[in-house]
Amino acid sequence: MSLTETKCKHCDKTFQSPAQLQNHMKHVNAGKAGGFRKHKAPRRTHPTALDGWGQLKARKEELLAALEQIKGEMKAALVEMQSEYEELSRKLATYSAASKAEIAVREEMEAHKQDKPS
């Protein structure tokens, strides 16, 4: 490298004059917000039919897992409803038996009043 040659700090190319380097840097920096990039980013690929299939399959698996969870929750709710029903049935049977006993006592008292001679 001679004394007049200058080296680009970005791409390591050598130029005969500072004017050539400046011209090179204009091309390097043109349209790029971040300046020179040695490696281009890979282009974004468009989704393929296989990608769509994979996404649908993943959604299906999520839905099936959610359905299994809901199924378990429904079984637990059914057991809870059954126990509440049985408790209410016992309370109603107790209340019904007490009411029948009160009615029988009342009827007996009414019958006893009617049997008394006045």
PDB file of N, CA and C in Angstrom:
ATOM      1  N   MET A   1       0.854  -1.160   0.000  1.00  0.00           N
ATOM      2  CA  MET A   1       0.000   0.000   0.000  1.00  0.00           C
ATOM      3  C   MET A   1       0.907   1.233   0.000  1.00  0.00           C
ATOM      4  N   SER A   2       0.638   2.126  -0.906  1.00  0.00           N
ATOM      5  CA  SER A   2       1.453   3.331  -0.979  1.00  0.00           C
ATOM      6  C   SER A   2       0.934   4.400  -0.038  1.00  0.00           C
ATOM      7  N   LEU A   3       1.623   5.486   0.074  1.00  0.00           N
ATOM      8  CA  LEU A   3       1.240   6.550   0.988  1.00  0.00           C
ATOM      9  C   LEU A   3      -0.051   7.231   0.568  1.00  0.00           C
ATOM     10  N   THR A   4      -0.367   7.247  -0.710  1.00  0.00           N
ATOM     11  CA  THR A   4      -1.579   7.909  -1.177  1.00  0.00           C
ATOM     12  C   THR A   4      -2.804   7.013  -1.100  1.00  0.00           C
ATOM     13  N   GLU A   5      -2.629   5.739  -0.964  1.00  0.00           N
ATOM     14  CA  GLU A   5      -3.770   4.831  -0.887  1.00  0.00           C
ATOM     15  C   GLU A   5      -4.415   4.917   0.494  1.00  0.00           C
ATOM     16  N   THR A   6      -5.737   4.891   0.505  1.00  0.00           N
ATOM     17  CA  THR A   6      -6.480   4.888   1.770  1.00  0.00           C
ATOM     18  C   THR A   6      -7.366   3.658   1.820  1.00  0.00           C
ATOM     19  N   LYS A   7      -7.606   3.213   3.011  1.00  0.00           N
ATOM     20  CA  LYS A   7      -8.336   1.958   3.204  1.00  0.00           C
ATOM     21  C   LYS A   7      -9.720   2.258   3.802  1.00  0.00           C
ATOM     22  N   CYS A   8     -10.711   1.586   3.291  1.00  0.00           N
ATOM     23  CA  CYS A   8     -12.079   1.721   3.835  1.00  0.00           C
ATOM     24  C   CYS A   8     -12.162   0.927   5.125  1.00  0.00           C
ATOM     25  N   LYS A   9     -12.696   1.552   6.154  1.00  0.00           N
ATOM     26  CA  LYS A   9     -12.785   0.884   7.454  1.00  0.00           C
ATOM     27  C   LYS A   9     -13.891  -0.178   7.491  1.00  0.00           C
ATOM     28  N   HIS A  10     -14.809  -0.088   6.567  1.00  0.00           N
ATOM     29  CA  HIS A  10     -15.955  -1.001   6.582  1.00  0.00           C
ATOM     30  C   HIS A  10     -15.734  -2.267   5.772  1.00  0.00           C
ATOM     31  N   CYS A  11     -15.132  -2.105   4.597  1.00  0.00           N
ATOM     32  CA  CYS A  11     -14.996  -3.278   3.736  1.00  0.00           C
ATOM     33  C   CYS A  11     -13.549  -3.628   3.411  1.00  0.00           C
ATOM     34  N   ASP A  12     -12.615  -2.897   3.970  1.00  0.00           N
ATOM     35  CA  ASP A  12     -11.182  -3.144   3.793  1.00  0.00           C
ATOM     36  C   ASP A  12     -10.693  -2.995   2.357  1.00  0.00           C
ATOM     37  N   LYS A  13     -11.416  -2.288   1.515  1.00  0.00           N
ATOM     38  CA  LYS A  13     -10.933  -2.003   0.157  1.00  0.00           C
ATOM     39  C   LYS A  13      -9.960  -0.821   0.230  1.00  0.00           C
ATOM     40  N   THR A  14      -9.029  -0.808  -0.677  1.00  0.00           N
ATOM     41  CA  THR A  14      -8.081   0.307  -0.735  1.00  0.00           C
ATOM     42  C   THR A  14      -8.399   1.187  -1.940  1.00  0.00           C
ATOM     43  N   PHE A  15      -8.240   2.505  -1.752  1.00  0.00           N
ATOM     44  CA  PHE A  15      -8.540   3.474  -2.811  1.00  0.00           C
ATOM     45  C   PHE A  15      -7.320   4.366  -3.013  1.00  0.00           C
ATOM     46  N   GLN A  16      -7.120   4.819  -4.256  1.00  0.00           N
ATOM     47  CA  GLN A  16      -5.951   5.603  -4.628  1.00  0.00           C
ATOM     48  C   GLN A  16      -5.972   7.002  -4.017  1.00  0.00           C
ATOM     49  N   SER A  17      -7.165   7.548  -3.828  1.00  0.00           N
ATOM     50  CA  SER A  17      -7.242   8.910  -3.296  1.00  0.00           C
ATOM     51  C   SER A  17      -8.384   9.014  -2.290  1.00  0.00           C
ATOM     52  N   PRO A  18      -8.300  10.036  -1.436  1.00  0.00           N
ATOM     53  CA  PRO A  18      -9.414  10.248  -0.494  1.00  0.00           C
ATOM     54  C   PRO A  18     -10.729  10.558  -1.203  1.00  0.00           C
ATOM     55  N   ALA A  19     -10.672  11.139  -2.381  1.00  0.00           N
ATOM     56  CA  ALA A  19     -11.890  11.443  -3.144  1.00  0.00           C
ATOM     57  C   ALA A  19     -12.584  10.147  -3.565  1.00  0.00           C
ATOM     58  N   GLN A  20     -11.799   9.153  -3.987  1.00  0.00           N
ATOM     59  CA  GLN A  20     -12.380   7.859  -4.350  1.00  0.00           C
ATOM     60  C   GLN A  20     -13.012   7.190  -3.120  1.00  0.00           C
ATOM     61  N   LEU A  21     -12.346   7.303  -1.988  1.00  0.00           N
ATOM     62  CA  LEU A  21     -12.903   6.737  -0.757  1.00  0.00           C
ATOM     63  C   LEU A  21     -14.205   7.440  -0.388  1.00  0.00           C
ATOM     64  N   GLN A  22     -14.216   8.747  -0.528  1.00  0.00           N
ATOM     65  CA  GLN A  22     -15.428   9.509  -0.198  1.00  0.00           C
ATOM     66  C   GLN A  22     -16.565   9.110  -1.134  1.00  0.00           C
ATOM     67  N   ASN A  23     -16.292   8.939  -2.404  1.00  0.00           N
ATOM     68  CA  ASN A  23     -17.287   8.501  -3.379  1.00  0.00           C
ATOM     69  C   ASN A  23     -17.807   7.105  -3.023  1.00  0.00           C
ATOM     70  N   HIS A  24     -16.895   6.229  -2.623  1.00  0.00           N
ATOM     71  CA  HIS A  24     -17.273   4.873  -2.203  1.00  0.00           C
ATOM     72  C   HIS A  24     -18.199   4.928  -0.986  1.00  0.00           C
ATOM     73  N   MET A  25     -17.843   5.803  -0.032  1.00  0.00           N
ATOM     74  CA  MET A  25     -18.651   5.896   1.189  1.00  0.00           C
ATOM     75  C   MET A  25     -20.053   6.430   0.897  1.00  0.00           C
ATOM     76  N   LYS A  26     -20.192   7.273  -0.129  1.00  0.00           N
ATOM     77  CA  LYS A  26     -21.518   7.753  -0.521  1.00  0.00           C
ATOM     78  C   LYS A  26     -22.383   6.575  -0.967  1.00  0.00           C
ATOM     79  N   HIS A  27     -21.800   5.660  -1.720  1.00  0.00           N
ATOM     80  CA  HIS A  27     -22.539   4.479  -2.192  1.00  0.00           C
ATOM     81  C   HIS A  27     -22.837   3.528  -1.029  1.00  0.00           C
ATOM     82  N   VAL A  28     -21.899   3.418  -0.109  1.00  0.00           N
ATOM     83  CA  VAL A  28     -22.079   2.511   1.033  1.00  0.00           C
ATOM     84  C   VAL A  28     -23.223   3.001   1.916  1.00  0.00           C
ATOM     85  N   ASN A  29     -23.255   4.311   2.154  1.00  0.00           N
ATOM     86  CA  ASN A  29     -24.247   4.875   3.075  1.00  0.00           C
ATOM     87  C   ASN A  29     -25.568   5.232   2.403  1.00  0.00           C
ATOM     88  N   ALA A  30     -25.658   5.132   1.104  1.00  0.00           N
ATOM     89  CA  ALA A  30     -26.859   5.554   0.387  1.00  0.00           C
ATOM     90  C   ALA A  30     -28.047   4.675   0.754  1.00  0.00           C
ATOM     91  N   GLY A  31     -29.071   5.305   1.278  1.00  0.00           N
ATOM     92  CA  GLY A  31     -30.329   4.612   1.563  1.00  0.00           C
ATOM     93  C   GLY A  31     -30.294   3.673   2.737  1.00  0.00           C
ATOM     94  N   LYS A  32     -29.232   3.700   3.511  1.00  0.00           N
ATOM     95  CA  LYS A  32     -29.147   2.802   4.650  1.00  0.00           C
ATOM     96  C   LYS A  32     -29.063   3.638   5.918  1.00  0.00           C
ATOM     97  N   ALA A  33     -30.041   3.505   6.770  1.00  0.00           N
ATOM     98  CA  ALA A  33     -30.086   4.313   7.981  1.00  0.00           C
ATOM     99  C   ALA A  33     -28.935   3.980   8.916  1.00  0.00           C
ATOM    100  N   GLY A  34     -28.572   2.737   8.998  1.00  0.00           N
ATOM    101  CA  GLY A  34     -27.522   2.314   9.915  1.00  0.00           C
ATOM    102  C   GLY A  34     -26.140   2.348   9.314  1.00  0.00           C
ATOM    103  N   GLY A  35     -26.002   2.777   8.091  1.00  0.00           N
ATOM    104  CA  GLY A  35     -24.690   2.805   7.464  1.00  0.00           C
ATOM    105  C   GLY A  35     -24.394   1.484   6.757  1.00  0.00           C
ATOM    106  N   PHE A  36     -23.130   1.195   6.586  1.00  0.00           N
ATOM    107  CA  PHE A  36     -22.688   0.018   5.846  1.00  0.00           C
ATOM    108  C   PHE A  36     -23.008  -1.262   6.603  1.00  0.00           C
ATOM    109  N   ARG A  37     -23.470  -2.242   5.868  1.00  0.00           N
ATOM    110  CA  ARG A  37     -23.716  -3.554   6.460  1.00  0.00           C
ATOM    111  C   ARG A  37     -22.963  -4.576   5.637  1.00  0.00           C
ATOM    112  N   LYS A  38     -22.110  -5.324   6.284  1.00  0.00           N
ATOM    113  CA  LYS A  38     -21.342  -6.332   5.545  1.00  0.00           C
ATOM    114  C   LYS A  38     -22.229  -7.469   5.061  1.00  0.00           C
ATOM    115  N   HIS A  39     -23.176  -7.860   5.898  1.00  0.00           N
ATOM    116  CA  HIS A  39     -24.009  -9.010   5.553  1.00  0.00           C
ATOM    117  C   HIS A  39     -25.459  -8.556   5.449  1.00  0.00           C
ATOM    118  N   LYS A  40     -26.069  -8.922   4.356  1.00  0.00           N
ATOM    119  CA  LYS A  40     -27.478  -8.593   4.194  1.00  0.00           C
ATOM    120  C   LYS A  40     -28.315  -9.539   5.032  1.00  0.00           C
ATOM    121  N   ALA A  41     -29.389  -8.998   5.579  1.00  0.00           N
ATOM    122  CA  ALA A  41     -30.314  -9.844   6.336  1.00  0.00           C
ATOM    123  C   ALA A  41     -31.038 -10.741   5.348  1.00  0.00           C
ATOM    124  N   PRO A  42     -31.319 -11.967   5.751  1.00  0.00           N
ATOM    125  CA  PRO A  42     -32.049 -12.852   4.832  1.00  0.00           C
ATOM    126  C   PRO A  42     -33.442 -12.285   4.549  1.00  0.00           C
ATOM    127  N   ARG A  43     -33.875 -12.508   3.343  1.00  0.00           N
ATOM    128  CA  ARG A  43     -35.206 -12.016   2.976  1.00  0.00           C
ATOM    129  C   ARG A  43     -36.263 -12.785   3.737  1.00  0.00           C
ATOM    130  N   ARG A  44     -37.303 -12.063   4.057  1.00  0.00           N
ATOM    131  CA  ARG A  44     -38.421 -12.682   4.774  1.00  0.00           C
ATOM    132  C   ARG A  44     -39.145 -13.625   3.817  1.00  0.00           C
ATOM    133  N   THR A  45     -39.369 -14.837   4.272  1.00  0.00           N
ATOM    134  CA  THR A  45     -40.060 -15.810   3.421  1.00  0.00           C
ATOM    135  C   THR A  45     -41.548 -15.738   3.676  1.00  0.00           C
ATOM    136  N   HIS A  46     -42.303 -15.951   2.652  1.00  0.00           N
ATOM    137  CA  HIS A  46     -43.756 -15.940   2.772  1.00  0.00           C
ATOM    138  C   HIS A  46     -44.231 -17.285   3.316  1.00  0.00           C
ATOM    139  N   PRO A  47     -45.317 -17.260   4.088  1.00  0.00           N
ATOM    140  CA  PRO A  47     -45.812 -18.534   4.639  1.00  0.00           C
ATOM    141  C   PRO A  47     -46.223 -19.493   3.519  1.00  0.00           C
ATOM    142  N   THR A  48     -45.910 -20.740   3.730  1.00  0.00           N
ATOM    143  CA  THR A  48     -46.256 -21.756   2.740  1.00  0.00           C
ATOM    144  C   THR A  48     -47.481 -22.525   3.229  1.00  0.00           C
ATOM    145  N   ALA A  49     -47.977 -23.381   2.376  1.00  0.00           N
ATOM    146  CA  ALA A  49     -49.122 -24.216   2.748  1.00  0.00           C
ATOM    147  C   ALA A  49     -48.757 -25.122   3.913  1.00  0.00           C
ATOM    148  N   LEU A  50     -47.519 -25.576   3.952  1.00  0.00           N
ATOM    149  CA  LEU A  50     -47.066 -26.437   5.039  1.00  0.00           C
ATOM    150  C   LEU A  50     -47.057 -25.668   6.365  1.00  0.00           C
ATOM    151  N   ASP A  51     -46.645 -24.396   6.317  1.00  0.00           N
ATOM    152  CA  ASP A  51     -46.688 -23.557   7.516  1.00  0.00           C
ATOM    153  C   ASP A  51     -48.125 -23.416   8.020  1.00  0.00           C
ATOM    154  N   GLY A  52     -49.033 -23.176   7.089  1.00  0.00           N
ATOM    155  CA  GLY A  52     -50.448 -23.049   7.452  1.00  0.00           C
ATOM    156  C   GLY A  52     -50.980 -24.334   8.071  1.00  0.00           C
ATOM    157  N   TRP A  53     -50.597 -25.471   7.482  1.00  0.00           N
ATOM    158  CA  TRP A  53     -51.003 -26.773   8.022  1.00  0.00           C
ATOM    159  C   TRP A  53     -50.481 -26.948   9.440  1.00  0.00           C
ATOM    160  N   GLY A  54     -49.241 -26.584   9.673  1.00  0.00           N
ATOM    161  CA  GLY A  54     -48.645 -26.704  11.000  1.00  0.00           C
ATOM    162  C   GLY A  54     -49.364 -25.830  12.019  1.00  0.00           C
ATOM    163  N   GLN A  55     -49.713 -24.619  11.617  1.00  0.00           N
ATOM    164  CA  GLN A  55     -50.442 -23.723  12.511  1.00  0.00           C
ATOM    165  C   GLN A  55     -51.818 -24.281  12.840  1.00  0.00           C
ATOM    166  N   LEU A  56     -52.502 -24.813  11.835  1.00  0.00           N
ATOM    167  CA  LEU A  56     -53.832 -25.398  12.078  1.00  0.00           C
ATOM    168  C   LEU A  56     -53.738 -26.598  13.002  1.00  0.00           C
ATOM    169  N   LYS A  57     -52.725 -27.420  12.806  1.00  0.00           N
ATOM    170  CA  LYS A  57     -52.550 -28.600  13.643  1.00  0.00           C
ATOM    171  C   LYS A  57     -52.267 -28.190  15.087  1.00  0.00           C
ATOM    172  N   ALA A  58     -51.447 -27.159  15.276  1.00  0.00           N
ATOM    173  CA  ALA A  58     -51.153 -26.670  16.629  1.00  0.00           C
ATOM    174  C   ALA A  58     -52.417 -26.126  17.291  1.00  0.00           C
ATOM    175  N   ARG A  59     -53.224 -25.388  16.533  1.00  0.00           N
ATOM    176  CA  ARG A  59     -54.496 -24.869  17.085  1.00  0.00           C
ATOM    177  C   ARG A  59     -55.422 -26.011  17.470  1.00  0.00           C
ATOM    178  N   LYS A  60     -55.461 -27.058  16.642  1.00  0.00           N
ATOM    179  CA  LYS A  60     -56.310 -28.215  16.924  1.00  0.00           C
ATOM    180  C   LYS A  60     -55.875 -28.867  18.234  1.00  0.00           C
ATOM    181  N   GLU A  61     -54.569 -29.038  18.420  1.00  0.00           N
ATOM    182  CA  GLU A  61     -54.053 -29.644  19.651  1.00  0.00           C
ATOM    183  C   GLU A  61     -54.417 -28.796  20.874  1.00  0.00           C
ATOM    184  N   GLU A  62     -54.318 -27.463  20.735  1.00  0.00           N
ATOM    185  CA  GLU A  62     -54.697 -26.569  21.836  1.00  0.00           C
ATOM    186  C   GLU A  62     -56.177 -26.732  22.174  1.00  0.00           C
ATOM    187  N   LEU A  63     -57.004 -26.801  21.135  1.00  0.00           N
ATOM    188  CA  LEU A  63     -58.447 -26.958  21.353  1.00  0.00           C
ATOM    189  C   LEU A  63     -58.773 -28.292  22.022  1.00  0.00           C
ATOM    190  N   LEU A  64     -58.111 -29.359  21.580  1.00  0.00           N
ATOM    191  CA  LEU A  64     -58.351 -30.667  22.189  1.00  0.00           C
ATOM    192  C   LEU A  64     -57.939 -30.669  23.659  1.00  0.00           C
ATOM    193  N   ALA A  65     -56.830 -30.023  23.963  1.00  0.00           N
ATOM    194  CA  ALA A  65     -56.391 -29.933  25.357  1.00  0.00           C
ATOM    195  C   ALA A  65     -57.396 -29.131  26.182  1.00  0.00           C
ATOM    196  N   ALA A  66     -57.912 -28.057  25.604  1.00  0.00           N
ATOM    197  CA  ALA A  66     -58.917 -27.242  26.300  1.00  0.00           C
ATOM    198  C   ALA A  66     -60.196 -28.043  26.527  1.00  0.00           C
ATOM    199  N   LEU A  67     -60.597 -28.849  25.529  1.00  0.00           N
ATOM    200  CA  LEU A  67     -61.801 -29.675  25.677  1.00  0.00           C
ATOM    201  C   LEU A  67     -61.624 -30.707  26.793  1.00  0.00           C
ATOM    202  N   GLU A  68     -60.450 -31.308  26.886  1.00  0.00           N
ATOM    203  CA  GLU A  68     -60.189 -32.276  27.952  1.00  0.00           C
ATOM    204  C   GLU A  68     -60.262 -31.596  29.321  1.00  0.00           C
ATOM    205  N   GLN A  69     -59.738 -30.390  29.414  1.00  0.00           N
ATOM    206  CA  GLN A  69     -59.786 -29.658  30.678  1.00  0.00           C
ATOM    207  C   GLN A  69     -61.234 -29.330  31.046  1.00  0.00           C
ATOM    208  N   ILE A  70     -62.007 -28.890  30.068  1.00  0.00           N
ATOM    209  CA  ILE A  70     -63.416 -28.563  30.308  1.00  0.00           C
ATOM    210  C   ILE A  70     -64.175 -29.818  30.723  1.00  0.00           C
ATOM    211  N   LYS A  71     -63.866 -30.937  30.102  1.00  0.00           N
ATOM    212  CA  LYS A  71     -64.520 -32.205  30.433  1.00  0.00           C
ATOM    213  C   LYS A  71     -64.286 -32.557  31.903  1.00  0.00           C
ATOM    214  N   GLY A  72     -63.057 -32.398  32.376  1.00  0.00           N
ATOM    215  CA  GLY A  72     -62.734 -32.671  33.782  1.00  0.00           C
ATOM    216  C   GLY A  72     -63.462 -31.713  34.715  1.00  0.00           C
ATOM    217  N   GLU A  73     -63.515 -30.436  34.334  1.00  0.00           N
ATOM    218  CA  GLU A  73     -64.213 -29.447  35.153  1.00  0.00           C
ATOM    219  C   GLU A  73     -65.713 -29.741  35.218  1.00  0.00           C
ATOM    220  N   MET A  74     -66.283 -30.213  34.108  1.00  0.00           N
ATOM    221  CA  MET A  74     -67.708 -30.544  34.090  1.00  0.00           C
ATOM    222  C   MET A  74     -67.997 -31.742  34.992  1.00  0.00           C
ATOM    223  N   LYS A  75     -67.104 -32.732  34.996  1.00  0.00           N
ATOM    224  CA  LYS A  75     -67.302 -33.889  35.881  1.00  0.00           C
ATOM    225  C   LYS A  75     -67.274 -33.454  37.337  1.00  0.00           C
ATOM    226  N   ALA A  76     -66.336 -32.572  37.685  1.00  0.00           N
ATOM    227  CA  ALA A  76     -66.244 -32.070  39.061  1.00  0.00           C
ATOM    228  C   ALA A  76     -67.498 -31.284  39.429  1.00  0.00           C
ATOM    229  N   ALA A  77     -68.009 -30.474  38.500  1.00  0.00           N
ATOM    230  CA  ALA A  77     -69.229 -29.699  38.749  1.00  0.00           C
ATOM    231  C   ALA A  77     -70.426 -30.627  38.919  1.00  0.00           C
ATOM    232  N   LEU A  78     -70.480 -31.696  38.142  1.00  0.00           N
ATOM    233  CA  LEU A  78     -71.571 -32.657  38.244  1.00  0.00           C
ATOM    234  C   LEU A  78     -71.570 -33.338  39.611  1.00  0.00           C
ATOM    235  N   VAL A  79     -70.391 -33.717  40.104  1.00  0.00           N
ATOM    236  CA  VAL A  79     -70.284 -34.332  41.430  1.00  0.00           C
ATOM    237  C   VAL A  79     -70.752 -33.350  42.498  1.00  0.00           C
ATOM    238  N   GLU A  80     -70.357 -32.077  42.356  1.00  0.00           N
ATOM    239  CA  GLU A  80     -70.768 -31.053  43.320  1.00  0.00           C
ATOM    240  C   GLU A  80     -72.282 -30.841  43.276  1.00  0.00           C
ATOM    241  N   MET A  81     -72.854 -30.818  42.080  1.00  0.00           N
ATOM    242  CA  MET A  81     -74.310 -30.665  41.951  1.00  0.00           C
ATOM    243  C   MET A  81     -75.033 -31.844  42.592  1.00  0.00           C
ATOM    244  N   GLN A  82     -74.515 -33.050  42.399  1.00  0.00           N
ATOM    245  CA  GLN A  82     -75.131 -34.245  42.966  1.00  0.00           C
ATOM    246  C   GLN A  82     -75.134 -34.176  44.491  1.00  0.00           C
ATOM    247  N   SER A  83     -74.016 -33.745  45.088  1.00  0.00           N
ATOM    248  CA  SER A  83     -73.957 -33.667  46.546  1.00  0.00           C
ATOM    249  C   SER A  83     -74.912 -32.595  47.069  1.00  0.00           C
ATOM    250  N   GLU A  84     -75.014 -31.447  46.363  1.00  0.00           N
ATOM    251  CA  GLU A  84     -75.970 -30.414  46.764  1.00  0.00           C
ATOM    252  C   GLU A  84     -77.407 -30.938  46.668  1.00  0.00           C
ATOM    253  N   TYR A  85     -77.700 -31.678  45.603  1.00  0.00           N
ATOM    254  CA  TYR A  85     -79.036 -32.239  45.427  1.00  0.00           C
ATOM    255  C   TYR A  85     -79.383 -33.198  46.565  1.00  0.00           C
ATOM    256  N   GLU A  86     -78.422 -34.058  46.912  1.00  0.00           N
ATOM    257  CA  GLU A  86     -78.667 -35.017  47.991  1.00  0.00           C
ATOM    258  C   GLU A  86     -78.870 -34.303  49.327  1.00  0.00           C
ATOM    259  N   GLU A  87     -78.113 -33.253  49.588  1.00  0.00           N
ATOM    260  CA  GLU A  87     -78.265 -32.493  50.829  1.00  0.00           C
ATOM    261  C   GLU A  87     -79.637 -31.823  50.881  1.00  0.00           C
ATOM    262  N   LEU A  88     -80.059 -31.232  49.760  1.00  0.00           N
ATOM    263  CA  LEU A  88     -81.384 -30.603  49.718  1.00  0.00           C
ATOM    264  C   LEU A  88     -82.493 -31.640  49.869  1.00  0.00           C
ATOM    265  N   SER A  89     -82.296 -32.811  49.280  1.00  0.00           N
ATOM    266  CA  SER A  89     -83.300 -33.879  49.410  1.00  0.00           C
ATOM    267  C   SER A  89     -83.440 -34.309  50.865  1.00  0.00           C
ATOM    268  N   ARG A  90     -82.316 -34.441  51.589  1.00  0.00           N
ATOM    269  CA  ARG A  90     -82.374 -34.809  53.009  1.00  0.00           C
ATOM    270  C   ARG A  90     -83.087 -33.733  53.821  1.00  0.00           C
ATOM    271  N   LYS A  91     -82.774 -32.468  53.558  1.00  0.00           N
ATOM    272  CA  LYS A  91     -83.433 -31.375  54.285  1.00  0.00           C
ATOM    273  C   LYS A  91     -84.934 -31.370  54.006  1.00  0.00           C
ATOM    274  N   LEU A  92     -85.302 -31.577  52.756  1.00  0.00           N
ATOM    275  CA  LEU A  92     -86.721 -31.585  52.388  1.00  0.00           C
ATOM    276  C   LEU A  92     -87.436 -32.768  53.030  1.00  0.00           C
ATOM    277  N   ALA A  93     -86.788 -33.926  53.074  1.00  0.00           N
ATOM    278  CA  ALA A  93     -87.392 -35.091  53.708  1.00  0.00           C
ATOM    279  C   ALA A  93     -87.589 -34.848  55.203  1.00  0.00           C
ATOM    280  N   THR A  94     -86.609 -34.233  55.852  1.00  0.00           N
ATOM    281  CA  THR A  94     -86.721 -33.916  57.276  1.00  0.00           C
ATOM    282  C   THR A  94     -87.852 -32.924  57.509  1.00  0.00           C
ATOM    283  N   TYR A  95     -87.905 -31.884  56.684  1.00  0.00           N
ATOM    284  CA  TYR A  95     -88.965 -30.883  56.808  1.00  0.00           C
ATOM    285  C   TYR A  95     -90.329 -31.515  56.555  1.00  0.00           C
ATOM    286  N   SER A  96     -90.410 -32.369  55.542  1.00  0.00           N
ATOM    287  CA  SER A  96     -91.669 -33.026  55.199  1.00  0.00           C
ATOM    288  C   SER A  96     -92.144 -33.920  56.350  1.00  0.00           C
ATOM    289  N   ALA A  97     -91.205 -34.670  56.950  1.00  0.00           N
ATOM    290  CA  ALA A  97     -91.575 -35.545  58.066  1.00  0.00           C
ATOM    291  C   ALA A  97     -92.047 -34.712  59.244  1.00  0.00           C
ATOM    292  N   ALA A  98     -91.388 -33.588  59.518  1.00  0.00           N
ATOM    293  CA  ALA A  98     -91.802 -32.718  60.619  1.00  0.00           C
ATOM    294  C   ALA A  98     -93.175 -32.124  60.339  1.00  0.00           C
ATOM    295  N   SER A  99     -93.411 -31.713  59.105  1.00  0.00           N
ATOM    296  CA  SER A  99     -94.711 -31.142  58.744  1.00  0.00           C
ATOM    297  C   SER A  99     -95.812 -32.185  58.869  1.00  0.00           C
ATOM    298  N   LYS A 100     -95.540 -33.418  58.435  1.00  0.00           N
ATOM    299  CA  LYS A 100     -96.540 -34.485  58.541  1.00  0.00           C
ATOM    300  C   LYS A 100     -96.863 -34.766  60.009  1.00  0.00           C
ATOM    301  N   ALA A 101     -95.836 -34.730  60.844  1.00  0.00           N
ATOM    302  CA  ALA A 101     -96.070 -34.966  62.277  1.00  0.00           C
ATOM    303  C   ALA A 101     -96.919 -33.852  62.863  1.00  0.00           C
ATOM    304  N   GLU A 102     -96.647 -32.608  62.507  1.00  0.00           N
ATOM    305  CA  GLU A 102     -97.446 -31.476  63.005  1.00  0.00           C
ATOM    306  C   GLU A 102     -98.884 -31.587  62.528  1.00  0.00           C
ATOM    307  N   ILE A 103     -99.069 -31.967  61.282  1.00  0.00           N
ATOM    308  CA  ILE A 103    -100.428 -32.119  60.738  1.00  0.00           C
ATOM    309  C   ILE A 103    -101.158 -33.238  61.472  1.00  0.00           C
ATOM    310  N   ALA A 104    -100.480 -34.325  61.733  1.00  0.00           N
ATOM    311  CA  ALA A 104    -101.109 -35.452  62.441  1.00  0.00           C
ATOM    312  C   ALA A 104    -101.514 -35.026  63.851  1.00  0.00           C
ATOM    313  N   VAL A 105    -100.660 -34.271  64.523  1.00  0.00           N
ATOM    314  CA  VAL A 105    -100.985 -33.800  65.875  1.00  0.00           C
ATOM    315  C   VAL A 105    -102.184 -32.868  65.823  1.00  0.00           C
ATOM    316  N   ARG A 106    -102.205 -31.940  64.871  1.00  0.00           N
ATOM    317  CA  ARG A 106    -103.332 -31.025  64.727  1.00  0.00           C
ATOM    318  C   ARG A 106    -104.627 -31.779  64.462  1.00  0.00           C
ATOM    319  N   GLU A 107    -104.549 -32.758  63.550  1.00  0.00           N
ATOM    320  CA  GLU A 107    -105.761 -33.528  63.230  1.00  0.00           C
ATOM    321  C   GLU A 107    -106.241 -34.299  64.450  1.00  0.00           C
ATOM    322  N   GLU A 108    -105.308 -34.825  65.223  1.00  0.00           N
ATOM    323  CA  GLU A 108    -105.687 -35.573  66.428  1.00  0.00           C
ATOM    324  C   GLU A 108    -106.339 -34.645  67.445  1.00  0.00           C
ATOM    325  N   MET A 109    -105.788 -33.437  67.563  1.00  0.00           N
ATOM    326  CA  MET A 109    -106.386 -32.482  68.509  1.00  0.00           C
ATOM    327  C   MET A 109    -107.777 -32.072  68.056  1.00  0.00           C
ATOM    328  N   GLU A 110    -107.945 -31.861  66.746  1.00  0.00           N
ATOM    329  CA  GLU A 110    -109.265 -31.515  66.208  1.00  0.00           C
ATOM    330  C   GLU A 110    -110.249 -32.660  66.448  1.00  0.00           C
ATOM    331  N   ALA A 111    -109.789 -33.885  66.220  1.00  0.00           N
ATOM    332  CA  ALA A 111    -110.654 -35.042  66.432  1.00  0.00           C
ATOM    333  C   ALA A 111    -110.998 -35.176  67.919  1.00  0.00           C
ATOM    334  N   HIS A 112    -110.050 -34.878  68.775  1.00  0.00           N
ATOM    335  CA  HIS A 112    -110.282 -34.966  70.240  1.00  0.00           C
ATOM    336  C   HIS A 112    -111.285 -33.902  70.676  1.00  0.00           C
ATOM    337  N   LYS A 113    -111.212 -32.705  70.097  1.00  0.00           N
ATOM    338  CA  LYS A 113    -112.167 -31.629  70.435  1.00  0.00           C
ATOM    339  C   LYS A 113    -113.556 -32.017  70.010  1.00  0.00           C
ATOM    340  N   GLN A 114    -113.681 -32.648  68.858  1.00  0.00           N
ATOM    341  CA  GLN A 114    -115.000 -33.008  68.363  1.00  0.00           C
ATOM    342  C   GLN A 114    -115.588 -34.157  69.161  1.00  0.00           C
ATOM    343  N   ASP A 115    -114.769 -35.014  69.745  1.00  0.00           N
ATOM    344  CA  ASP A 115    -115.243 -36.146  70.506  1.00  0.00           C
ATOM    345  C   ASP A 115    -115.765 -35.732  71.879  1.00  0.00           C
ATOM    346  N   LYS A 116    -115.321 -34.616  72.406  1.00  0.00           N
ATOM    347  CA  LYS A 116    -115.759 -34.187  73.730  1.00  0.00           C
ATOM    348  C   LYS A 116    -117.219 -33.759  73.686  1.00  0.00           C
ATOM    349  N   PRO A 117    -118.021 -34.236  74.682  1.00  0.00           N
ATOM    350  CA  PRO A 117    -119.411 -33.757  74.726  1.00  0.00           C
ATOM    351  C   PRO A 117    -119.429 -32.354  75.310  1.00  0.00           C
ATOM    352  N   SER A 118    -120.233 -31.509  74.782  1.00  0.00           N
ATOM    353  CA  SER A 118    -120.335 -30.167  75.304  1.00  0.00           C
ATOM    354  C   SER A 118    -121.502 -29.980  76.219  1.00  0.00           C
TER     355      SER A 118
END
